[in-house]
C-alpha atoms as a PDB file:
ATOM      1  CA  MET A   1     103.953 115.150 117.444  1.00  0.00           C
ATOM      2  CA  ASP A   2     105.979 112.891 115.045  1.00  0.00           C
ATOM      3  CA  ILE A   3     105.638 108.909 114.287  1.00  0.00           C
ATOM      4  CA  ASP A   4     107.546 107.261 111.708  1.00  0.00           C
ATOM      5  CA  LEU A   5     105.861 105.233 109.341  1.00  0.00           C
ATOM      6  CA  THR A   6     107.002 103.045 106.305  1.00  0.00           C
ATOM      7  CA  LEU A   7     105.374 104.529 103.417  1.00  0.00           C
ATOM      8  CA  GLU A   8     104.817 101.582 100.350  1.00  0.00           C
ATOM      9  CA  THR A   9     104.242 103.172  96.791  1.00  0.00           C
ATOM     10  CA  LYS A  10     103.906 100.750  93.749  1.00  0.00           C
ATOM     11  CA  GLU A  11     107.940 101.743  93.654  1.00  0.00           C
ATOM     12  CA  GLY A  12     108.816 100.468  97.126  1.00  0.00           C
ATOM     13  CA  SER A  13     109.060 101.465 100.146  1.00  0.00           C
ATOM     14  CA  ARG A  14     110.596 104.387 102.078  1.00  0.00           C
ATOM     15  CA  PRO A  15     110.774 105.905 105.773  1.00  0.00           C
ATOM     16  CA  LEU A  16     107.689 108.347 106.463  1.00  0.00           C
ATOM     17  CA  ARG A  17     107.985 110.779 109.239  1.00  0.00           C
ATOM     18  CA  PHE A  18     104.464 111.972 109.981  1.00  0.00           C
ATOM     19  CA  ARG A  19     103.886 114.490 111.733  1.00  0.00           C
ATOM     20  CA  TYR A  20     100.533 115.676 113.286  1.00  0.00           C
ATOM     21  CA  THR A  21      98.800 117.797 116.169  1.00  0.00           C
ATOM     22  CA  LYS A  22      95.507 116.385 115.779  1.00  0.00           C
ATOM     23  CA  MET A  23      93.869 113.172 115.937  1.00  0.00           C
ATOM     24  CA  VAL A  24      89.341 112.880 115.800  1.00  0.00           C
ATOM     25  CA  ASN A  25      88.192 108.949 115.600  1.00  0.00           C
ATOM     26  CA  ALA A  26      84.879 109.466 113.817  1.00  0.00           C
ATOM     27  CA  GLY A  27      81.929 107.022 114.717  1.00  0.00           C
ATOM     28  CA  PHE A  28      78.259 105.566 113.095  1.00  0.00           C
ATOM     29  CA  THR A  29      80.084 105.363 109.526  1.00  0.00           C
ATOM     30  CA  GLY A  30      78.620 103.284 107.689  1.00  0.00           C
ATOM     31  CA  LYS A  31      77.036 103.862 104.372  1.00  0.00           C
ATOM     32  CA  ASN A  32      73.669 102.542 105.186  1.00  0.00           C
ATOM     33  CA  GLN A  33      72.527 104.817 108.001  1.00  0.00           C
ATOM     34  CA  GLU A  34      69.161 102.681 108.701  1.00  0.00           C
ATOM     35  CA  GLU A  35      71.153  99.539 109.599  1.00  0.00           C
ATOM     36  CA  VAL A  36      73.237 102.426 111.480  1.00  0.00           C
ATOM     37  CA  ARG A  37      70.235 103.149 113.667  1.00  0.00           C
ATOM     38  CA  HIS A  38      69.684  99.674 113.824  1.00  0.00           C
ATOM     39  CA  HIS A  39      73.051  99.109 116.050  1.00  0.00           C
ATOM     40  CA  LEU A  40      72.717 102.378 118.130  1.00  0.00           C
ATOM     41  CA  THR A  41      69.383 100.780 119.533  1.00  0.00           C
ATOM     42  CA  GLU A  42      71.275  97.531 120.564  1.00  0.00           C
ATOM     43  CA  LEU A  43      73.524  99.958 122.202  1.00  0.00           C
ATOM     44  CA  ALA A  44      71.064 101.605 124.118  1.00  0.00           C
ATOM     45  CA  GLU A  45      69.392  98.221 124.728  1.00  0.00           C
ATOM     46  CA  LYS A  46      73.192  97.561 126.478  1.00  0.00           C
ATOM     47  CA  GLY A  47      73.158 100.461 128.361  1.00  0.00           C
ATOM     48  CA  ILE A  48      75.508 102.368 126.336  1.00  0.00           C
ATOM     49  CA  GLU A  49      75.242 106.351 125.558  1.00  0.00           C
ATOM     50  CA  VAL A  50      74.446 106.635 122.093  1.00  0.00           C
ATOM     51  CA  PRO A  51      75.066 110.053 120.069  1.00  0.00           C
ATOM     52  CA  ASP A  52      71.438 111.874 119.166  1.00  0.00           C
ATOM     53  CA  SER A  53      73.018 112.059 115.595  1.00  0.00           C
ATOM     54  CA  THR A  54      75.508 110.411 113.603  1.00  0.00           C
ATOM     55  CA  PRO A  55      77.748 110.161 111.982  1.00  0.00           C
ATOM     56  CA  THR A  56      79.942 111.547 115.072  1.00  0.00           C
ATOM     57  CA  LEU A  57      83.390 112.511 115.638  1.00  0.00           C
ATOM     58  CA  TYR A  58      85.005 112.298 118.787  1.00  0.00           C
ATOM     59  CA  PRO A  59      88.661 114.397 119.361  1.00  0.00           C
ATOM     60  CA  VAL A  60      91.468 111.781 120.875  1.00  0.00           C
ATOM     61  CA  VAL A  61      94.554 113.231 122.693  1.00  0.00           C
ATOM     62  CA  PRO A  62      97.310 113.358 120.563  1.00  0.00           C
ATOM     63  CA  GLN A  63      99.484 110.763 122.716  1.00  0.00           C
ATOM     64  CA  ALA A  64      97.540 108.388 122.571  1.00  0.00           C
ATOM     65  CA  LEU A  65      98.812 106.879 118.472  1.00  0.00           C
ATOM     66  CA  SER A  66     100.736 103.588 119.119  1.00  0.00           C
ATOM     67  CA  THR A  67     102.443 101.491 116.710  1.00  0.00           C
ATOM     68  CA  ASP A  68     103.175  99.021 119.894  1.00  0.00           C
ATOM     69  CA  SER A  69     102.941  95.337 119.276  1.00  0.00           C
ATOM     70  CA  SER A  70     101.382  95.413 123.312  1.00  0.00           C
ATOM     71  CA  MET A  71      98.743  97.593 125.734  1.00  0.00           C
ATOM     72  CA  GLU A  72      98.784  98.250 128.770  1.00  0.00           C
ATOM     73  CA  VAL A  73      94.917  98.536 129.681  1.00  0.00           C
ATOM     74  CA  PHE A  74      92.875  99.068 133.452  1.00  0.00           C
ATOM     75  CA  GLY A  75      90.104  96.828 133.674  1.00  0.00           C
ATOM     76  CA  ASP A  76      89.164  93.065 131.801  1.00  0.00           C
ATOM     77  CA  GLU A  77      86.218  95.072 129.651  1.00  0.00           C
ATOM     78  CA  THR A  78      88.055  96.602 126.826  1.00  0.00           C
ATOM     79  CA  SER A  79      88.406  95.782 123.171  1.00  0.00           C
ATOM     80  CA  GLY A  80      89.580  96.787 119.705  1.00  0.00           C
ATOM     81  CA  GLU A  81      87.392  98.564 116.316  1.00  0.00           C
ATOM     82  CA  LEU A  82      89.251  97.719 113.059  1.00  0.00           C
ATOM     83  CA  GLU A  83      89.060 100.913 111.015  1.00  0.00           C
ATOM     84  CA  TYR A  84      90.911 103.015 107.881  1.00  0.00           C
ATOM     85  CA  VAL A  85      93.094 105.154 109.180  1.00  0.00           C
ATOM     86  CA  LEU A  86      94.144 108.644 107.318  1.00  0.00           C
ATOM     87  CA  PHE A  87      97.194 110.895 107.718  1.00  0.00           C
ATOM     88  CA  VAL A  88      96.124 113.991 105.846  1.00  0.00           C
ATOM     89  CA  LYS A  89      99.583 115.716 105.036  1.00  0.00           C
ATOM     90  CA  SER A  90      97.749 118.185 103.422  1.00  0.00           C
ATOM     91  CA  GLU A  91      94.801 118.461 100.911  1.00  0.00           C
ATOM     92  CA  ASP A  92      96.629 117.055  98.117  1.00  0.00           C
ATOM     93  CA  GLU A  93      98.855 114.787 100.130  1.00  0.00           C
ATOM     94  CA  VAL A  94      97.296 111.855 101.835  1.00  0.00           C
ATOM     95  CA  TYR A  95      97.909 108.249 103.469  1.00  0.00           C
ATOM     96  CA  VAL A  96      96.261 105.753 104.534  1.00  0.00           C
ATOM     97  CA  GLY A  97      96.723 102.883 107.343  1.00  0.00           C
ATOM     98  CA  VAL A  98      95.129 100.586 109.510  1.00  0.00           C
ATOM     99  CA  GLY A  99      94.170 100.592 112.626  1.00  0.00           C
ATOM    100  CA  SER A 100      92.421  99.801 116.410  1.00  0.00           C
ATOM    101  CA  ASP A 101      90.183 102.096 118.351  1.00  0.00           C
ATOM    102  CA  HIS A 102      90.630 100.353 121.558  1.00  0.00           C
ATOM    103  CA  THR A 103      87.978 101.253 123.704  1.00  0.00           C
ATOM    104  CA  ASP A 104      86.791 100.319 127.447  1.00  0.00           C
ATOM    105  CA  ARG A 105      82.973  99.005 126.941  1.00  0.00           C
ATOM    106  CA  ASN A 106      82.732  99.637 130.760  1.00  0.00           C
ATOM    107  CA  LEU A 107      83.724 103.722 130.805  1.00  0.00           C
ATOM    108  CA  GLU A 108      81.717 103.965 127.041  1.00  0.00           C
ATOM    109  CA  GLU A 109      78.699 102.778 129.536  1.00  0.00           C
ATOM    110  CA  PHE A 110      78.729 106.632 130.814  1.00  0.00           C
ATOM    111  CA  HIS A 111      80.938 108.243 129.100  1.00  0.00           C
ATOM    112  CA  ILE A 112      82.003 107.351 124.991  1.00  0.00           C
ATOM    113  CA  PRO A 113      84.667 110.213 124.024  1.00  0.00           C
ATOM    114  CA  ARG A 114      86.464 109.262 127.990  1.00  0.00           C
ATOM    115  CA  SER A 115      85.953 106.067 126.297  1.00  0.00           C
ATOM    116  CA  LYS A 116      88.164 106.878 123.775  1.00  0.00           C
ATOM    117  CA  GLN A 117      91.104 108.403 126.242  1.00  0.00           C
ATOM    118  CA  ILE A 118      92.165 105.406 128.546  1.00  0.00           C
ATOM    119  CA  CYS A 119      93.208 103.303 125.351  1.00  0.00           C
ATOM    120  CA  PRO A 120      95.947 103.293 122.968  1.00  0.00           C
ATOM    121  CA  ASN A 121      94.565 104.107 119.080  1.00  0.00           C
ATOM    122  CA  ILE A 122      96.742 101.597 117.442  1.00  0.00           C
ATOM    123  CA  ILE A 123      97.770 102.118 114.034  1.00  0.00           C
ATOM    124  CA  SER A 124      99.944  99.711 111.499  1.00  0.00           C
ATOM    125  CA  LYS A 125     103.266 100.462 110.824  1.00  0.00           C
ATOM    126  CA  THR A 126     102.911 100.601 107.301  1.00  0.00           C
ATOM    127  CA  VAL A 127     100.754 103.202 104.888  1.00  0.00           C
ATOM    128  CA  TRP A 128      99.867 103.867 101.193  1.00  0.00           C
ATOM    129  CA  PRO A 129      99.171 106.997  99.694  1.00  0.00           C
ATOM    130  CA  LEU A 130      95.773 107.293  98.945  1.00  0.00           C
ATOM    131  CA  ASP A 131      96.259 108.457  95.391  1.00  0.00           C
ATOM    132  CA  GLU A 132      97.405 104.826  94.783  1.00  0.00           C
ATOM    133  CA  ILE A 133      94.162 102.814  95.923  1.00  0.00           C
ATOM    134  CA  LYS A 134      90.871 105.506  95.818  1.00  0.00           C
ATOM    135  CA  ALA A 135      90.263 104.695  91.975  1.00  0.00           C
ATOM    136  CA  HIS A 136      89.414 101.251  93.380  1.00  0.00           C
ATOM    137  CA  TRP A 137      88.828 102.226  97.399  1.00  0.00           C
ATOM    138  CA  ASP A 138      85.446 100.691  97.631  1.00  0.00           C
ATOM    139  CA  SER A 139      86.880  96.666  96.757  1.00  0.00           C
ATOM    140  CA  LEU A 140      89.823  97.295  99.476  1.00  0.00           C
ATOM    141  CA  THR A 141      88.783  94.964 102.632  1.00  0.00           C
ATOM    142  CA  MET A 142      89.483  94.884 105.965  1.00  0.00           C
ATOM    143  CA  ARG A 143      89.076  91.857 108.429  1.00  0.00           C
ATOM    144  CA  CYS A 144      90.065  91.262 112.212  1.00  0.00           C
ATOM    145  CA  SER A 145      90.843  88.372 113.912  1.00  0.00           C
ATOM    146  CA  VAL A 146      90.748  88.337 117.925  1.00  0.00           C
ATOM    147  CA  ILE A 147      92.261  85.507 120.349  1.00  0.00           C
ATOM    148  CA  LYS A 148      91.135  84.375 123.891  1.00  0.00           C
ATOM    149  CA  GLY A 149      93.443  81.551 125.458  1.00  0.00           C
ATOM    150  CA  GLU A 150      93.552  79.292 122.657  1.00  0.00           C
ATOM    151  CA  GLU A 151      90.140  80.249 120.474  1.00  0.00           C
ATOM    152  CA  SER A 152      90.853  82.500 117.520  1.00  0.00           C
ATOM    153  CA  THR A 153      87.469  84.005 116.688  1.00  0.00           C
ATOM    154  CA  LEU A 154      87.436  85.744 113.093  1.00  0.00           C
ATOM    155  CA  TYR A 155      85.796  89.292 114.659  1.00  0.00           C
ATOM    156  CA  GLN A 156      85.217  91.851 111.719  1.00  0.00           C
ATOM    157  CA  GLU A 157      85.329  91.570 107.931  1.00  0.00           C
ATOM    158  CA  GLY A 158      84.142  93.923 105.147  1.00  0.00           C
ATOM    159  CA  GLU A 159      84.950  95.888 102.226  1.00  0.00           C
ATOM    160  CA  LEU A 160      85.284  99.644 102.508  1.00  0.00           C
ATOM    161  CA  GLY A 161      82.576 100.355 100.391  1.00  0.00           C
ATOM    162  CA  LEU A 162      80.531 100.007 103.654  1.00  0.00           C
ATOM    163  CA  LEU A 163      81.908 102.825 104.742  1.00  0.00           C
ATOM    164  CA  LEU A 164      82.060 106.463 104.017  1.00  0.00           C
ATOM    165  CA  ASN A 165      85.073 107.029 101.581  1.00  0.00           C
ATOM    166  CA  PRO A 166      88.145 109.459 102.020  1.00  0.00           C
ATOM    167  CA  SER A 167      86.767 112.354 100.014  1.00  0.00           C
ATOM    168  CA  GLU A 168      83.333 111.851 102.832  1.00  0.00           C
ATOM    169  CA  LEU A 169      84.906 111.125 105.474  1.00  0.00           C
ATOM    170  CA  ILE A 170      87.361 114.798 104.861  1.00  0.00           C
ATOM    171  CA  THR A 171      84.248 116.376 104.246  1.00  0.00           C
ATOM    172  CA  PHE A 172      82.471 115.298 107.723  1.00  0.00           C
ATOM    173  CA  VAL A 173      85.410 116.298 109.726  1.00  0.00           C
ATOM    174  CA  LYS A 174      85.732 119.958 108.012  1.00  0.00           C
ATOM    175  CA  GLU A 175      82.343 120.623 109.616  1.00  0.00           C
ATOM    176  CA  LYS A 176      83.466 119.713 112.755  1.00  0.00           C
ATOM    177  CA  ILE A 177      87.053 121.070 113.110  1.00  0.00           C
ATOM    178  CA  GLU A 178      88.048 125.029 111.775  1.00  0.00           C
ATOM    179  CA  GLY A 179      90.908 125.289 109.557  1.00  0.00           C
ATOM    180  CA  PRO A 180      92.958 123.475 107.926  1.00  0.00           C
ATOM    181  CA  LEU A 181      93.095 119.886 108.544  1.00  0.00           C
ATOM    182  CA  ASP A 182      96.953 119.591 107.950  1.00  0.00           C
ATOM    183  CA  GLY A 183      98.749 117.022 110.356  1.00  0.00           C
ATOM    184  CA  THR A 184      95.651 115.380 111.467  1.00  0.00           C
ATOM    185  CA  ILE A 185      95.081 111.882 111.875  1.00  0.00           C
ATOM    186  CA  ILE A 186      91.173 110.393 111.063  1.00  0.00           C
ATOM    187  CA  TYR A 187      89.949 107.088 113.022  1.00  0.00           C
ATOM    188  CA  SER A 188      87.270 106.293 110.278  1.00  0.00           C
ATOM    189  CA  GLY A 189      84.852 104.499 112.370  1.00  0.00           C
ATOM    190  CA  THR A 190      83.877 100.337 111.699  1.00  0.00           C
ATOM    191  CA  PHE A 191      81.692  98.012 110.976  1.00  0.00           C
ATOM    192  CA  LYS A 192      79.644  95.986 112.691  1.00  0.00           C
ATOM    193  CA  MET A 193      81.355  92.599 114.646  1.00  0.00           C
ATOM    194  CA  LEU A 194      80.543  89.273 113.235  1.00  0.00           C
ATOM    195  CA  THR A 195      80.295  88.138 117.047  1.00  0.00           C
ATOM    196  CA  ASP A 196      76.802  88.834 118.877  1.00  0.00           C
ATOM    197  CA  ASP A 197      78.599  90.978 121.906  1.00  0.00           C
ATOM    198  CA  PHE A 198      82.182  92.027 122.113  1.00  0.00           C
ATOM    199  CA  ILE A 199      85.261  89.936 123.234  1.00  0.00           C
ATOM    200  CA  PHE A 200      87.617  90.587 125.750  1.00  0.00           C
ATOM    201  CA  ALA A 201      90.721  89.399 124.315  1.00  0.00           C
ATOM    202  CA  ASP A 202      94.132  88.662 124.716  1.00  0.00           C
ATOM    203  CA  LYS A 203      95.319  89.387 121.345  1.00  0.00           C
ATOM    204  CA  PHE A 204      93.492  91.774 117.930  1.00  0.00           C
ATOM    205  CA  ALA A 205      95.005  91.157 114.278  1.00  0.00           C
ATOM    206  CA  GLY A 206      93.804  93.306 112.082  1.00  0.00           C
ATOM    207  CA  GLU A 207      94.541  93.672 108.373  1.00  0.00           C
ATOM    208  CA  LEU A 208      93.766  95.955 104.844  1.00  0.00           C
ATOM    209  CA  VAL A 209      93.642  94.294 101.714  1.00  0.00           C
ATOM    210  CA  ASP A 210      94.082  95.660  98.576  1.00  0.00           C
ATOM    211  CA  ASN A 211      93.213  92.904  95.255  1.00  0.00           C
ATOM    212  CA  GLU A 212      93.779  95.325  92.572  1.00  0.00           C
ATOM    213  CA  LEU A 213      97.772  95.519  93.691  1.00  0.00           C
ATOM    214  CA  ASN A 214      98.121  92.651  95.120  1.00  0.00           C
ATOM    215  CA  ARG A 215      99.429  93.606  99.217  1.00  0.00           C
ATOM    216  CA  LYS A 216      98.457  93.755 102.464  1.00  0.00           C
ATOM    217  CA  ILE A 217      99.184  96.101 104.993  1.00  0.00           C
ATOM    218  CA  GLU A 218      98.688  93.543 108.671  1.00  0.00           C
ATOM    219  CA  PHE A 219      99.153  95.387 112.155  1.00  0.00           C
ATOM    220  CA  SER A 220      98.616  93.070 115.311  1.00  0.00           C
ATOM    221  CA  TYR A 221      98.884  93.957 119.194  1.00  0.00           C
ATOM    222  CA  ASP A 222      98.648  91.740 122.973  1.00  0.00           C
ATOM    223  CA  VAL A 223      96.196  93.675 125.396  1.00  0.00           C
ATOM    224  CA  LEU A 224      97.530  93.715 128.753  1.00  0.00           C
ATOM    225  CA  PRO A 225      94.961  94.140 132.015  1.00  0.00           C
ATOM    226  CA  LEU A 226      97.008  95.985 135.019  1.00  0.00           C
ATOM    227  CA  ASN A 227      96.634  92.927 137.748  1.00  0.00           C
ATOM    228  CA  TYR A 228      99.838  93.110 139.313  1.00  0.00           C
ATOM    229  CA  MET A 229      97.670  94.212 142.193  1.00  0.00           C
ATOM    230  CA  GLU A 230      94.558  94.677 143.821  1.00  0.00           C
ATOM    231  CA  ILE A 231      92.847  97.771 144.287  1.00  0.00           C
END
């Protein structure tokens, strides 16, 4: 499959058509695994199935990738997760974007891998070359807000140094997938929410900020429940 993106470099921008065959969503990739285990305990207390070990990796159907500004979802209990995203063209050519692993929280309580299939994986239309940012990677910042009704809430925020870096993440994925990762899209996993619980919002907006090179990537999407009929 192909997706049309914009590659932004220090020299300027150009169209990028990226061909991919696999997509995976990593989970529980925090550098502080003690904090990760605490988060797992919180999820288990809510009745959510949690993995036996971390980090984790889930396959996602490639057709689920989207740059659309809206998504239709089944049910009222879905929410996004802010993640950096790697586009692995080859071992020496990797691009970085930012996206949302939007998840059905009701289905997640019963089967995490299936909950990853029912909602799109949203991705920013703009990506950066990894080579331009890996020297100052840990200082990159991601944040997102959600809007429900008239209320906007800062939902997640943190430096990428809180998560496995691209080299560590790719090494982990290689342990799970046979063969080269050429044409693979990798969602990084996320950091904790700033709210006490999920917000099932009407809109999700996120950004990846590079203060070193004075630039950012932004994306947003509306969440539209299928409510035109009763079942």
